Amino acid sequence: MVTVGFHASHEQISPAQLLKDVRHAERAGFDAAMCSDHIEPWSARQGHSGFAWSWLGAALATTGLRFGVVTAPGQRYHPAITAHASATLAGMFPGRFWLAPGSGENMNEHITGDAWPPKETRQRRLEECVDIIRRLHRGEDVTHHGLVTVEQARIWDLPEPPPPLIAPAISVDTARRSAAWADGLVTVNQPPDKLKHMLAAYRDNGGQGHAILQVHLSWAPREEDAVATALDQWRTNTFAPPVPWDLPTAAHFDGVSGHVGEGQVRKAVNISASLDRHAEWLAGYAALGFDELYLHFVGQDQAPFIEAFGADVLPQLRPAPVPDTRAEGATP
């Protein structure tokens, strides 16, 4: 049975409200949750960006859900800090936390003042960071000199089990390359053929673990309202790489997205007033081979989405209970 989770978008919702939203999602029947880790929103209209690691402690402590976070060690976060933070969460909440270390985006990483490296350098830096994090999670005393520097780092409170390190990927090439180190794969909704190729590239090169899909969607009782929400909140997120990797601020994203219309947004966001249509889209992703689907309603008021999908969409993605045909009183 596919896991259906809730995506907590820190760029769009204040931390206090987002904590209420994820609790609401749990009550409505969502199985798990994941969140973003930004210091800058994609647009001034989104207007938020809480610190994911503080929020995760509160969310894990006040729900029973399993959580993941997409993060970027190497520039804004030293990998020893990422290892330390993730070990603490995984140690307090065993089996309920995973992280997806990626190569990062300039909008979040430029705050250090360091130069923004080219993609290949960022990828090699990430792979160094993954190795450092794993060694620290095993209790090793780590010294490393490469694209990142570590001097005699050790984590004293070791998580058991260590948190899975899931590879975030947008391209087939990154999915293929990540198979060498990852405990699973996470990507975002794209055309089905592209997703098939990504899954094949990961699995055919030895990739293990769950395949996870974050699904951007917009729903409202009226189609025009669903379209308006997607245009307002997510038109800055419709560009292919390297644009989302390299622009430095929300103002830059707002500047380049002024011309984006409904057609382009529909390529990035599943937009429909029909809950059945959303259920069809999600069932199709599961049929491709994704084990976990995290639903990201791109609006800022999450409550109507949570209620509607909890009542009418989630049940369609779960197998119907098998009726008990035993005679009443019969011995099992």
C-alpha atoms as a PDB file:
ATOM      1  CA  MET A   1       0.000   0.000   0.000  1.00  0.00           C
ATOM      2  CA  VAL A   2       1.393   3.396  -0.966  1.00  0.00           C
ATOM      3  CA  THR A   3       2.248   5.804   1.856  1.00  0.00           C
ATOM      4  CA  VAL A   4       0.460   9.139   1.438  1.00  0.00           C
ATOM      5  CA  GLY A   5       2.142  11.985   3.269  1.00  0.00           C
ATOM      6  CA  PHE A   6       1.743  15.723   3.794  1.00  0.00           C
ATOM      7  CA  HIS A   7       4.375  18.167   2.540  1.00  0.00           C
ATOM      8  CA  ALA A   8       5.044  21.025   4.950  1.00  0.00           C
ATOM      9  CA  SER A   9       6.182  24.026   2.913  1.00  0.00           C
ATOM     10  CA  HIS A  10       8.164  26.339   5.189  1.00  0.00           C
ATOM     11  CA  GLU A  11       8.446  28.934   2.431  1.00  0.00           C
ATOM     12  CA  GLN A  12       4.690  29.476   2.389  1.00  0.00           C
ATOM     13  CA  ILE A  13       3.425  29.050   5.942  1.00  0.00           C
ATOM     14  CA  SER A  14       4.620  30.294   9.332  1.00  0.00           C
ATOM     15  CA  PRO A  15       6.156  27.634  11.602  1.00  0.00           C
ATOM     16  CA  ALA A  16       3.391  27.876  14.226  1.00  0.00           C
ATOM     17  CA  GLN A  17       0.635  27.494  11.637  1.00  0.00           C
ATOM     18  CA  LEU A  18       2.498  24.724   9.848  1.00  0.00           C
ATOM     19  CA  LEU A  19       2.705  22.785  13.103  1.00  0.00           C
ATOM     20  CA  LYS A  20      -1.080  23.059  13.417  1.00  0.00           C
ATOM     21  CA  ASP A  21      -1.436  21.983   9.784  1.00  0.00           C
ATOM     22  CA  VAL A  22       0.663  18.834  10.132  1.00  0.00           C
ATOM     23  CA  ARG A  23      -1.287  17.810  13.233  1.00  0.00           C
ATOM     24  CA  HIS A  24      -4.472  18.388  11.253  1.00  0.00           C
ATOM     25  CA  ALA A  25      -3.093  16.236   8.443  1.00  0.00           C
ATOM     26  CA  GLU A  26      -2.402  13.393  10.869  1.00  0.00           C
ATOM     27  CA  ARG A  27      -5.966  13.550  12.208  1.00  0.00           C
ATOM     28  CA  ALA A  28      -7.274  13.529   8.626  1.00  0.00           C
ATOM     29  CA  GLY A  29      -5.462  10.278   7.841  1.00  0.00           C
ATOM     30  CA  PHE A  30      -2.147  11.246   6.248  1.00  0.00           C
ATOM     31  CA  ASP A  31       0.507   8.613   6.960  1.00  0.00           C
ATOM     32  CA  ALA A  32       3.688  10.700   7.145  1.00  0.00           C
ATOM     33  CA  ALA A  33       5.136  14.142   6.430  1.00  0.00           C
ATOM     34  CA  MET A  34       8.148  15.815   4.886  1.00  0.00           C
ATOM     35  CA  CYS A  35       9.340  19.396   4.795  1.00  0.00           C
ATOM     36  CA  SER A  36      11.591  21.798   2.944  1.00  0.00           C
ATOM     37  CA  ASP A  37      14.642  23.495   4.502  1.00  0.00           C
ATOM     38  CA  HIS A  38      14.908  27.080   3.221  1.00  0.00           C
ATOM     39  CA  ILE A  39      16.136  30.404   4.518  1.00  0.00           C
ATOM     40  CA  GLU A  40      14.611  32.241   1.515  1.00  0.00           C
ATOM     41  CA  PRO A  41      11.141  31.734   0.016  1.00  0.00           C
ATOM     42  CA  TRP A  42      10.678  31.319  -3.717  1.00  0.00           C
ATOM     43  CA  SER A  43       8.603  34.508  -3.847  1.00  0.00           C
ATOM     44  CA  ALA A  44       7.837  37.516  -1.665  1.00  0.00           C
ATOM     45  CA  ARG A  45       4.182  36.466  -1.986  1.00  0.00           C
ATOM     46  CA  GLN A  46       5.013  33.263  -0.119  1.00  0.00           C
ATOM     47  CA  GLY A  47       6.651  35.300   2.602  1.00  0.00           C
ATOM     48  CA  HIS A  48       7.876  32.699   5.126  1.00  0.00           C
ATOM     49  CA  SER A  49      10.865  30.515   5.886  1.00  0.00           C
ATOM     50  CA  GLY A  50      10.986  28.920   9.330  1.00  0.00           C
ATOM     51  CA  PHE A  51      14.007  26.941  10.505  1.00  0.00           C
ATOM     52  CA  ALA A  52      13.203  23.358   9.580  1.00  0.00           C
ATOM     53  CA  TRP A  53      15.359  21.651  12.219  1.00  0.00           C
ATOM     54  CA  SER A  54      13.713  23.423  15.171  1.00  0.00           C
ATOM     55  CA  TRP A  55      10.299  22.765  13.698  1.00  0.00           C
ATOM     56  CA  LEU A  56      11.028  19.065  13.121  1.00  0.00           C
ATOM     57  CA  GLY A  57      11.686  18.502  16.819  1.00  0.00           C
ATOM     58  CA  ALA A  58       8.318  19.991  17.707  1.00  0.00           C
ATOM     59  CA  ALA A  59       6.513  18.147  14.901  1.00  0.00           C
ATOM     60  CA  LEU A  60       7.993  14.763  15.803  1.00  0.00           C
ATOM     61  CA  ALA A  61       7.214  15.302  19.494  1.00  0.00           C
ATOM     62  CA  THR A  62       3.578  16.274  18.965  1.00  0.00           C
ATOM     63  CA  THR A  63       2.548  13.774  16.266  1.00  0.00           C
ATOM     64  CA  GLY A  64       3.096  10.088  15.622  1.00  0.00           C
ATOM     65  CA  LEU A  65       4.116  10.653  12.005  1.00  0.00           C
ATOM     66  CA  ARG A  66       7.360   9.752  10.286  1.00  0.00           C
ATOM     67  CA  PHE A  67       9.138  12.848   8.908  1.00  0.00           C
ATOM     68  CA  GLY A  68      11.714  13.665   6.278  1.00  0.00           C
ATOM     69  CA  VAL A  69      13.556  16.832   5.318  1.00  0.00           C
ATOM     70  CA  VAL A  70      15.274  17.859   2.085  1.00  0.00           C
ATOM     71  CA  THR A  71      18.429  19.723   3.072  1.00  0.00           C
ATOM     72  CA  ALA A  72      21.831  20.729   1.679  1.00  0.00           C
ATOM     73  CA  PRO A  73      25.042  20.062   3.618  1.00  0.00           C
ATOM     74  CA  GLY A  74      28.285  21.599   2.438  1.00  0.00           C
ATOM     75  CA  GLN A  75      27.896  25.381   2.448  1.00  0.00           C
ATOM     76  CA  ARG A  76      25.176  26.823   4.692  1.00  0.00           C
ATOM     77  CA  TYR A  77      25.475  23.741   6.914  1.00  0.00           C
ATOM     78  CA  HIS A  78      28.768  22.069   7.717  1.00  0.00           C
ATOM     79  CA  PRO A  79      28.234  18.297   7.266  1.00  0.00           C
ATOM     80  CA  ALA A  80      29.193  17.631  10.897  1.00  0.00           C
ATOM     81  CA  ILE A  81      26.337  19.927  11.968  1.00  0.00           C
ATOM     82  CA  THR A  82      23.910  18.113   9.665  1.00  0.00           C
ATOM     83  CA  ALA A  83      25.115  14.792  11.065  1.00  0.00           C
ATOM     84  CA  HIS A  84      24.741  16.066  14.641  1.00  0.00           C
ATOM     85  CA  ALA A  85      21.236  17.487  14.124  1.00  0.00           C
ATOM     86  CA  SER A  86      19.974  14.419  12.278  1.00  0.00           C
ATOM     87  CA  ALA A  87      21.503  12.023  14.830  1.00  0.00           C
ATOM     88  CA  THR A  88      19.729  13.830  17.661  1.00  0.00           C
ATOM     89  CA  LEU A  89      16.332  13.680  15.957  1.00  0.00           C
ATOM     90  CA  ALA A  90      16.786  10.044  14.927  1.00  0.00           C
ATOM     91  CA  GLY A  91      17.924   9.139  18.420  1.00  0.00           C
ATOM     92  CA  MET A  92      14.896  10.737  20.077  1.00  0.00           C
ATOM     93  CA  PHE A  93      12.439   9.359  17.514  1.00  0.00           C
ATOM     94  CA  PRO A  94      13.840   6.009  16.316  1.00  0.00           C
ATOM     95  CA  GLY A  95      12.705   4.941  12.865  1.00  0.00           C
ATOM     96  CA  ARG A  96      10.657   8.113  12.340  1.00  0.00           C
ATOM     97  CA  PHE A  97      13.124  10.448  10.633  1.00  0.00           C
ATOM     98  CA  TRP A  98      14.964  10.563   7.294  1.00  0.00           C
ATOM     99  CA  LEU A  99      16.906  13.256   5.522  1.00  0.00           C
ATOM    100  CA  ALA A 100      17.524  13.907   1.847  1.00  0.00           C
ATOM    101  CA  PRO A 101      20.892  15.666   1.429  1.00  0.00           C
ATOM    102  CA  GLY A 102      21.111  17.503  -1.882  1.00  0.00           C
ATOM    103  CA  SER A 103      23.603  19.734  -3.661  1.00  0.00           C
ATOM    104  CA  GLY A 104      21.670  22.880  -2.755  1.00  0.00           C
ATOM    105  CA  GLU A 105      20.309  26.058  -4.302  1.00  0.00           C
ATOM    106  CA  ASN A 106      22.015  29.428  -4.420  1.00  0.00           C
ATOM    107  CA  MET A 107      18.960  31.162  -2.924  1.00  0.00           C
ATOM    108  CA  ASN A 108      19.683  29.450   0.398  1.00  0.00           C
ATOM    109  CA  GLU A 109      23.437  28.965   0.277  1.00  0.00           C
ATOM    110  CA  HIS A 110      24.640  32.413  -0.852  1.00  0.00           C
ATOM    111  CA  ILE A 111      24.235  33.813   2.670  1.00  0.00           C
ATOM    112  CA  THR A 112      27.670  32.440   3.653  1.00  0.00           C
ATOM    113  CA  GLY A 113      29.340  34.779   1.164  1.00  0.00           C
ATOM    114  CA  ASP A 114      31.215  31.876  -0.401  1.00  0.00           C
ATOM    115  CA  ALA A 115      31.249  31.498  -4.174  1.00  0.00           C
ATOM    116  CA  TRP A 116      28.457  29.364  -5.636  1.00  0.00           C
ATOM    117  CA  PRO A 117      30.210  26.374  -7.233  1.00  0.00           C
ATOM    118  CA  PRO A 118      29.272  24.781 -10.571  1.00  0.00           C
ATOM    119  CA  LYS A 119      26.961  21.776 -10.478  1.00  0.00           C
ATOM    120  CA  GLU A 120      29.663  19.104 -10.813  1.00  0.00           C
ATOM    121  CA  THR A 121      31.618  20.600  -7.917  1.00  0.00           C
ATOM    122  CA  ARG A 122      28.466  20.786  -5.806  1.00  0.00           C
ATOM    123  CA  GLN A 123      27.731  17.154  -6.590  1.00  0.00           C
ATOM    124  CA  ARG A 124      31.208  16.039  -5.545  1.00  0.00           C
ATOM    125  CA  ARG A 125      30.938  18.163  -2.401  1.00  0.00           C
ATOM    126  CA  LEU A 126      27.625  16.480  -1.586  1.00  0.00           C
ATOM    127  CA  GLU A 127      29.149  13.026  -1.992  1.00  0.00           C
ATOM    128  CA  GLU A 128      31.931  13.973   0.415  1.00  0.00           C
ATOM    129  CA  CYS A 129      29.318  15.240   2.868  1.00  0.00           C
ATOM    130  CA  VAL A 130      27.296  12.023   2.635  1.00  0.00           C
ATOM    131  CA  ASP A 131      30.389   9.966   3.443  1.00  0.00           C
ATOM    132  CA  ILE A 132      31.220  12.234   6.404  1.00  0.00           C
ATOM    133  CA  ILE A 133      27.658  12.073   7.761  1.00  0.00           C
ATOM    134  CA  ARG A 134      27.570   8.278   7.523  1.00  0.00           C
ATOM    135  CA  ARG A 135      30.931   7.934   9.280  1.00  0.00           C
ATOM    136  CA  LEU A 136      29.812  10.251  12.069  1.00  0.00           C
ATOM    137  CA  HIS A 137      26.556   8.327  12.452  1.00  0.00           C
ATOM    138  CA  ARG A 138      28.679   5.184  12.916  1.00  0.00           C
ATOM    139  CA  GLY A 139      30.571   6.811  15.777  1.00  0.00           C
ATOM    140  CA  GLU A 140      33.859   7.391  13.962  1.00  0.00           C
ATOM    141  CA  ASP A 141      36.280  10.172  14.805  1.00  0.00           C
ATOM    142  CA  VAL A 142      36.342  12.002  11.461  1.00  0.00           C
ATOM    143  CA  THR A 143      39.035  14.179   9.936  1.00  0.00           C
ATOM    144  CA  HIS A 144      38.596  15.040   6.265  1.00  0.00           C
ATOM    145  CA  HIS A 145      40.286  17.483   3.877  1.00  0.00           C
ATOM    146  CA  GLY A 146      38.618  17.954   0.504  1.00  0.00           C
ATOM    147  CA  LEU A 147      35.902  20.235  -0.805  1.00  0.00           C
ATOM    148  CA  VAL A 148      34.833  20.391   2.843  1.00  0.00           C
ATOM    149  CA  THR A 149      37.083  20.257   5.898  1.00  0.00           C
ATOM    150  CA  VAL A 150      36.422  18.327   9.085  1.00  0.00           C
ATOM    151  CA  GLU A 151      38.823  18.196  12.048  1.00  0.00           C
ATOM    152  CA  GLN A 152      38.405  15.485  14.688  1.00  0.00           C
ATOM    153  CA  ALA A 153      34.609  15.472  14.715  1.00  0.00           C
ATOM    154  CA  ARG A 154      32.698  12.866  16.673  1.00  0.00           C
ATOM    155  CA  ILE A 155      29.068  12.379  17.619  1.00  0.00           C
ATOM    156  CA  TRP A 156      28.662  10.955  21.108  1.00  0.00           C
ATOM    157  CA  ASP A 157      24.931  10.177  21.060  1.00  0.00           C
ATOM    158  CA  LEU A 158      24.563   7.783  18.150  1.00  0.00           C
ATOM    159  CA  PRO A 159      21.177   7.111  16.550  1.00  0.00           C
ATOM    160  CA  GLU A 160      19.950   3.537  16.431  1.00  0.00           C
ATOM    161  CA  PRO A 161      19.014   2.980  13.724  1.00  0.00           C
ATOM    162  CA  PRO A 162      20.808   5.773  11.847  1.00  0.00           C
ATOM    163  CA  PRO A 163      18.465   7.885   9.728  1.00  0.00           C
ATOM    164  CA  PRO A 164      18.196   6.890   6.047  1.00  0.00           C
ATOM    165  CA  LEU A 165      19.944   9.234   3.620  1.00  0.00           C
ATOM    166  CA  ILE A 166      17.577   9.670   0.658  1.00  0.00           C
ATOM    167  CA  ALA A 167      18.854  11.108  -2.631  1.00  0.00           C
ATOM    168  CA  PRO A 168      16.925  14.116  -3.991  1.00  0.00           C
ATOM    169  CA  ALA A 169      17.069  14.160  -7.786  1.00  0.00           C
ATOM    170  CA  ILE A 170      15.417  16.110 -10.589  1.00  0.00           C
ATOM    171  CA  SER A 171      17.354  14.621 -13.506  1.00  0.00           C
ATOM    172  CA  VAL A 172      17.919  11.086 -14.757  1.00  0.00           C
ATOM    173  CA  ASP A 173      21.686  11.595 -14.468  1.00  0.00           C
ATOM    174  CA  THR A 174      21.468  12.591 -10.801  1.00  0.00           C
ATOM    175  CA  ALA A 175      19.203   9.616 -10.057  1.00  0.00           C
ATOM    176  CA  ARG A 176      21.716   7.284 -11.716  1.00  0.00           C
ATOM    177  CA  ARG A 177      24.680   8.783  -9.876  1.00  0.00           C
ATOM    178  CA  SER A 178      22.889   8.738  -6.512  1.00  0.00           C
ATOM    179  CA  ALA A 179      22.308   4.989  -6.668  1.00  0.00           C
ATOM    180  CA  ALA A 180      25.861   4.451  -5.413  1.00  0.00           C
ATOM    181  CA  TRP A 181      25.204   6.007  -1.999  1.00  0.00           C
ATOM    182  CA  ALA A 182      21.498   6.500  -1.326  1.00  0.00           C
ATOM    183  CA  ASP A 183      19.037   4.648   0.883  1.00  0.00           C
ATOM    184  CA  GLY A 184      16.184   5.766  -1.388  1.00  0.00           C
ATOM    185  CA  LEU A 185      15.211   8.316  -4.042  1.00  0.00           C
ATOM    186  CA  VAL A 186      12.987  11.398  -3.821  1.00  0.00           C
ATOM    187  CA  THR A 187      11.883  13.589  -6.723  1.00  0.00           C
ATOM    188  CA  VAL A 188       8.965  15.815  -7.742  1.00  0.00           C
ATOM    189  CA  ASN A 189       6.088  15.226 -10.128  1.00  0.00           C
ATOM    190  CA  GLN A 190       7.199  15.358 -13.762  1.00  0.00           C
ATOM    191  CA  PRO A 191       5.883  13.771 -16.977  1.00  0.00           C
ATOM    192  CA  PRO A 192       5.369   9.999 -16.499  1.00  0.00           C
ATOM    193  CA  ASP A 193       8.001   9.033 -19.071  1.00  0.00           C
ATOM    194  CA  LYS A 194      10.625  11.150 -17.280  1.00  0.00           C
ATOM    195  CA  LEU A 195       9.701   9.579 -13.945  1.00  0.00           C
ATOM    196  CA  LYS A 196       9.943   6.085 -15.444  1.00  0.00           C
ATOM    197  CA  HIS A 197      13.426   6.841 -16.748  1.00  0.00           C
ATOM    198  CA  MET A 198      14.501   8.244 -13.396  1.00  0.00           C
ATOM    199  CA  LEU A 199      13.288   5.185 -11.505  1.00  0.00           C
ATOM    200  CA  ALA A 200      14.931   2.858 -14.021  1.00  0.00           C
ATOM    201  CA  ALA A 201      18.230   4.758 -13.846  1.00  0.00           C
ATOM    202  CA  TYR A 202      18.226   4.514 -10.062  1.00  0.00           C
ATOM    203  CA  ARG A 203      17.154   0.862  -9.788  1.00  0.00           C
ATOM    204  CA  ASP A 204      19.258  -0.422 -12.701  1.00  0.00           C
ATOM    205  CA  ASN A 205      22.386   0.986 -11.071  1.00  0.00           C
ATOM    206  CA  GLY A 206      21.749  -0.735  -7.768  1.00  0.00           C
ATOM    207  CA  GLY A 207      19.618   1.910  -6.080  1.00  0.00           C
ATOM    208  CA  GLN A 208      17.930   0.572  -2.955  1.00  0.00           C
ATOM    209  CA  GLY A 209      15.103   1.687  -0.686  1.00  0.00           C
ATOM    210  CA  HIS A 210      11.853   3.504  -1.257  1.00  0.00           C
ATOM    211  CA  ALA A 211      11.043   5.695  -4.240  1.00  0.00           C
ATOM    212  CA  ILE A 212       9.437   8.894  -2.961  1.00  0.00           C
ATOM    213  CA  LEU A 213       7.509  11.509  -4.946  1.00  0.00           C
ATOM    214  CA  GLN A 214       6.598  15.008  -3.835  1.00  0.00           C
ATOM    215  CA  VAL A 215       3.443  16.008  -5.726  1.00  0.00           C
ATOM    216  CA  HIS A 216       2.704  19.705  -6.267  1.00  0.00           C
ATOM    217  CA  LEU A 217      -1.052  20.187  -6.594  1.00  0.00           C
ATOM    218  CA  SER A 218      -3.748  22.815  -6.461  1.00  0.00           C
ATOM    219  CA  TRP A 219      -7.354  22.060  -5.621  1.00  0.00           C
ATOM    220  CA  ALA A 220     -10.399  24.201  -4.892  1.00  0.00           C
ATOM    221  CA  PRO A 221     -14.131  23.607  -5.328  1.00  0.00           C
ATOM    222  CA  ARG A 222     -13.956  25.896  -8.385  1.00  0.00           C
ATOM    223  CA  GLU A 223     -11.382  25.332 -11.117  1.00  0.00           C
ATOM    224  CA  GLU A 224     -10.666  29.037 -11.519  1.00  0.00           C
ATOM    225  CA  ASP A 225      -9.750  29.296  -7.832  1.00  0.00           C
ATOM    226  CA  ALA A 226      -7.394  26.316  -8.084  1.00  0.00           C
ATOM    227  CA  VAL A 227      -5.702  27.969 -11.072  1.00  0.00           C
ATOM    228  CA  ALA A 228      -5.465  31.338  -9.313  1.00  0.00           C
ATOM    229  CA  THR A 229      -3.824  29.776  -6.240  1.00  0.00           C
ATOM    230  CA  ALA A 230      -1.244  27.947  -8.337  1.00  0.00           C
ATOM    231  CA  LEU A 231      -0.420  31.071 -10.359  1.00  0.00           C
ATOM    232  CA  ASP A 232      -0.051  33.239  -7.272  1.00  0.00           C
ATOM    233  CA  GLN A 233       1.999  30.856  -5.161  1.00  0.00           C
ATOM    234  CA  TRP A 234       3.911  28.575  -7.507  1.00  0.00           C
ATOM    235  CA  ARG A 235       4.627  30.355 -10.791  1.00  0.00           C
ATOM    236  CA  THR A 236       8.168  31.040  -9.554  1.00  0.00           C
ATOM    237  CA  ASN A 237       8.749  27.263  -9.425  1.00  0.00           C
ATOM    238  CA  THR A 238       8.115  26.384 -13.055  1.00  0.00           C
ATOM    239  CA  PHE A 239      11.627  26.767 -14.488  1.00  0.00           C
ATOM    240  CA  ALA A 240      13.940  23.937 -15.465  1.00  0.00           C
ATOM    241  CA  PRO A 241      17.468  23.782 -14.012  1.00  0.00           C
ATOM    242  CA  PRO A 242      19.804  25.591 -13.807  1.00  0.00           C
ATOM    243  CA  VAL A 243      17.467  28.541 -13.095  1.00  0.00           C
ATOM    244  CA  PRO A 244      16.177  27.230  -9.714  1.00  0.00           C
ATOM    245  CA  TRP A 245      19.718  26.261  -8.705  1.00  0.00           C
ATOM    246  CA  ASP A 246      21.409  29.546  -9.485  1.00  0.00           C
ATOM    247  CA  LEU A 247      19.126  32.553  -8.832  1.00  0.00           C
ATOM    248  CA  PRO A 248      20.023  34.138  -5.478  1.00  0.00           C
ATOM    249  CA  THR A 249      16.862  35.726  -3.978  1.00  0.00           C
ATOM    250  CA  ALA A 250      13.080  35.713  -3.970  1.00  0.00           C
ATOM    251  CA  ALA A 251      13.170  39.060  -5.780  1.00  0.00           C
ATOM    252  CA  HIS A 252      15.031  37.440  -8.672  1.00  0.00           C
ATOM    253  CA  PHE A 253      12.478  34.619  -8.895  1.00  0.00           C
ATOM    254  CA  ASP A 254       9.629  37.138  -8.836  1.00  0.00           C
ATOM    255  CA  GLY A 255      11.386  39.128 -11.540  1.00  0.00           C
ATOM    256  CA  VAL A 256      11.740  36.258 -14.008  1.00  0.00           C
ATOM    257  CA  SER A 257       8.271  34.772 -13.418  1.00  0.00           C
ATOM    258  CA  GLY A 258       6.054  37.735 -14.225  1.00  0.00           C
ATOM    259  CA  HIS A 259       5.238  36.374 -17.690  1.00  0.00           C
ATOM    260  CA  VAL A 260       4.404  32.836 -16.516  1.00  0.00           C
ATOM    261  CA  GLY A 261       0.841  31.841 -17.372  1.00  0.00           C
ATOM    262  CA  GLU A 262      -1.567  29.021 -16.628  1.00  0.00           C
ATOM    263  CA  GLY A 263      -0.185  26.663 -19.258  1.00  0.00           C
ATOM    264  CA  GLN A 264       3.324  26.733 -17.835  1.00  0.00           C
ATOM    265  CA  VAL A 265       2.098  26.362 -14.242  1.00  0.00           C
ATOM    266  CA  ARG A 266       0.012  23.314 -15.190  1.00  0.00           C
ATOM    267  CA  LYS A 267       3.224  21.589 -16.311  1.00  0.00           C
ATOM    268  CA  ALA A 268       4.559  21.849 -12.748  1.00  0.00           C
ATOM    269  CA  VAL A 269       1.371  21.613 -10.681  1.00  0.00           C
ATOM    270  CA  ASN A 270      -1.536  19.177 -10.930  1.00  0.00           C
ATOM    271  CA  ILE A 271      -4.491  21.578 -11.037  1.00  0.00           C
ATOM    272  CA  SER A 272      -8.088  20.436 -10.861  1.00  0.00           C
ATOM    273  CA  ALA A 273     -11.332  21.067  -8.978  1.00  0.00           C
ATOM    274  CA  SER A 274     -12.072  17.333  -9.249  1.00  0.00           C
ATOM    275  CA  LEU A 275     -10.947  15.248  -6.283  1.00  0.00           C
ATOM    276  CA  ASP A 276     -11.384  12.141  -8.420  1.00  0.00           C
ATOM    277  CA  ARG A 277      -8.940  13.547 -10.969  1.00  0.00           C
ATOM    278  CA  HIS A 278      -6.377  14.146  -8.232  1.00  0.00           C
ATOM    279  CA  ALA A 279      -6.885  10.580  -7.018  1.00  0.00           C
ATOM    280  CA  GLU A 280      -6.281   9.330 -10.591  1.00  0.00           C
ATOM    281  CA  TRP A 281      -3.050  11.291 -10.859  1.00  0.00           C
ATOM    282  CA  LEU A 282      -1.821   9.927  -7.538  1.00  0.00           C
ATOM    283  CA  ALA A 283      -2.772   6.347  -8.357  1.00  0.00           C
ATOM    284  CA  GLY A 284      -0.856   6.728 -11.614  1.00  0.00           C
ATOM    285  CA  TYR A 285       2.296   7.769  -9.755  1.00  0.00           C
ATOM    286  CA  ALA A 286       1.970   4.782  -7.438  1.00  0.00           C
ATOM    287  CA  ALA A 287       1.590   2.519 -10.478  1.00  0.00           C
ATOM    288  CA  LEU A 288       4.920   3.819 -11.838  1.00  0.00           C
ATOM    289  CA  GLY A 289       6.649   2.361  -8.795  1.00  0.00           C
ATOM    290  CA  PHE A 290       6.618   5.110  -6.176  1.00  0.00           C
ATOM    291  CA  ASP A 291       6.248   3.803  -2.638  1.00  0.00           C
ATOM    292  CA  GLU A 292       5.539   7.141  -0.944  1.00  0.00           C
ATOM    293  CA  LEU A 293       3.630  10.193  -2.198  1.00  0.00           C
ATOM    294  CA  TYR A 294       3.879  13.506  -0.335  1.00  0.00           C
ATOM    295  CA  LEU A 295       1.096  15.893  -1.286  1.00  0.00           C
ATOM    296  CA  HIS A 296       2.009  19.552  -1.506  1.00  0.00           C
ATOM    297  CA  PHE A 297      -1.040  21.758  -1.853  1.00  0.00           C
ATOM    298  CA  VAL A 298       0.591  24.927  -3.149  1.00  0.00           C
ATOM    299  CA  GLY A 299      -1.842  27.285  -1.400  1.00  0.00           C
ATOM    300  CA  GLN A 300      -1.294  28.858   2.004  1.00  0.00           C
ATOM    301  CA  ASP A 301      -4.605  27.880   3.624  1.00  0.00           C
ATOM    302  CA  GLN A 302      -4.102  24.148   4.095  1.00  0.00           C
ATOM    303  CA  ALA A 303      -7.237  23.264   6.075  1.00  0.00           C
ATOM    304  CA  PRO A 304      -9.738  22.857   3.188  1.00  0.00           C
ATOM    305  CA  PHE A 305      -7.239  20.733   1.240  1.00  0.00           C
ATOM    306  CA  ILE A 306      -6.489  18.531   4.249  1.00  0.00           C
ATOM    307  CA  GLU A 307     -10.168  17.943   4.974  1.00  0.00           C
ATOM    308  CA  ALA A 308     -11.160  17.269   1.368  1.00  0.00           C
ATOM    309  CA  PHE A 309      -8.270  14.947   0.551  1.00  0.00           C
ATOM    310  CA  GLY A 310      -8.537  13.146   3.866  1.00  0.00           C
ATOM    311  CA  ALA A 311     -12.220  12.433   3.248  1.00  0.00           C
ATOM    312  CA  ASP A 312     -12.309  11.772  -0.498  1.00  0.00           C
ATOM    313  CA  VAL A 313      -8.835  11.144  -1.962  1.00  0.00           C
ATOM    314  CA  LEU A 314      -6.862   9.137   0.579  1.00  0.00           C
ATOM    315  CA  PRO A 315      -9.512   6.383   0.771  1.00  0.00           C
ATOM    316  CA  GLN A 316      -9.276   5.907  -3.016  1.00  0.00           C
ATOM    317  CA  LEU A 317      -5.537   5.186  -2.708  1.00  0.00           C
ATOM    318  CA  ARG A 318      -5.972   2.462  -0.117  1.00  0.00           C
ATOM    319  CA  PRO A 319      -7.215  -1.064  -0.733  1.00  0.00           C
ATOM    320  CA  ALA A 320     -10.775  -1.785   0.285  1.00  0.00           C
ATOM    321  CA  PRO A 321     -11.033  -3.956   3.410  1.00  0.00           C
ATOM    322  CA  VAL A 322     -11.619  -7.629   2.692  1.00  0.00           C
ATOM    323  CA  PRO A 323     -15.048  -8.611   4.023  1.00  0.00           C
ATOM    324  CA  ASP A 324     -15.078 -11.276   6.732  1.00  0.00           C
ATOM    325  CA  THR A 325     -17.173 -14.098   5.278  1.00  0.00           C
ATOM    326  CA  ARG A 326     -16.779 -16.434   8.233  1.00  0.00           C
ATOM    327  CA  ALA A 327     -20.001 -17.571   9.810  1.00  0.00           C
ATOM    328  CA  GLU A 328     -20.837 -15.788  13.028  1.00  0.00           C
ATOM    329  CA  GLY A 329     -19.465 -17.713  15.979  1.00  0.00           C
ATOM    330  CA  ALA A 330     -17.184 -19.925  13.842  1.00  0.00           C
ATOM    331  CA  THR A 331     -13.752 -20.774  15.183  1.00  0.00           C
ATOM    332  CA  PRO A 332     -11.002 -19.041  13.137  1.00  0.00           C
END
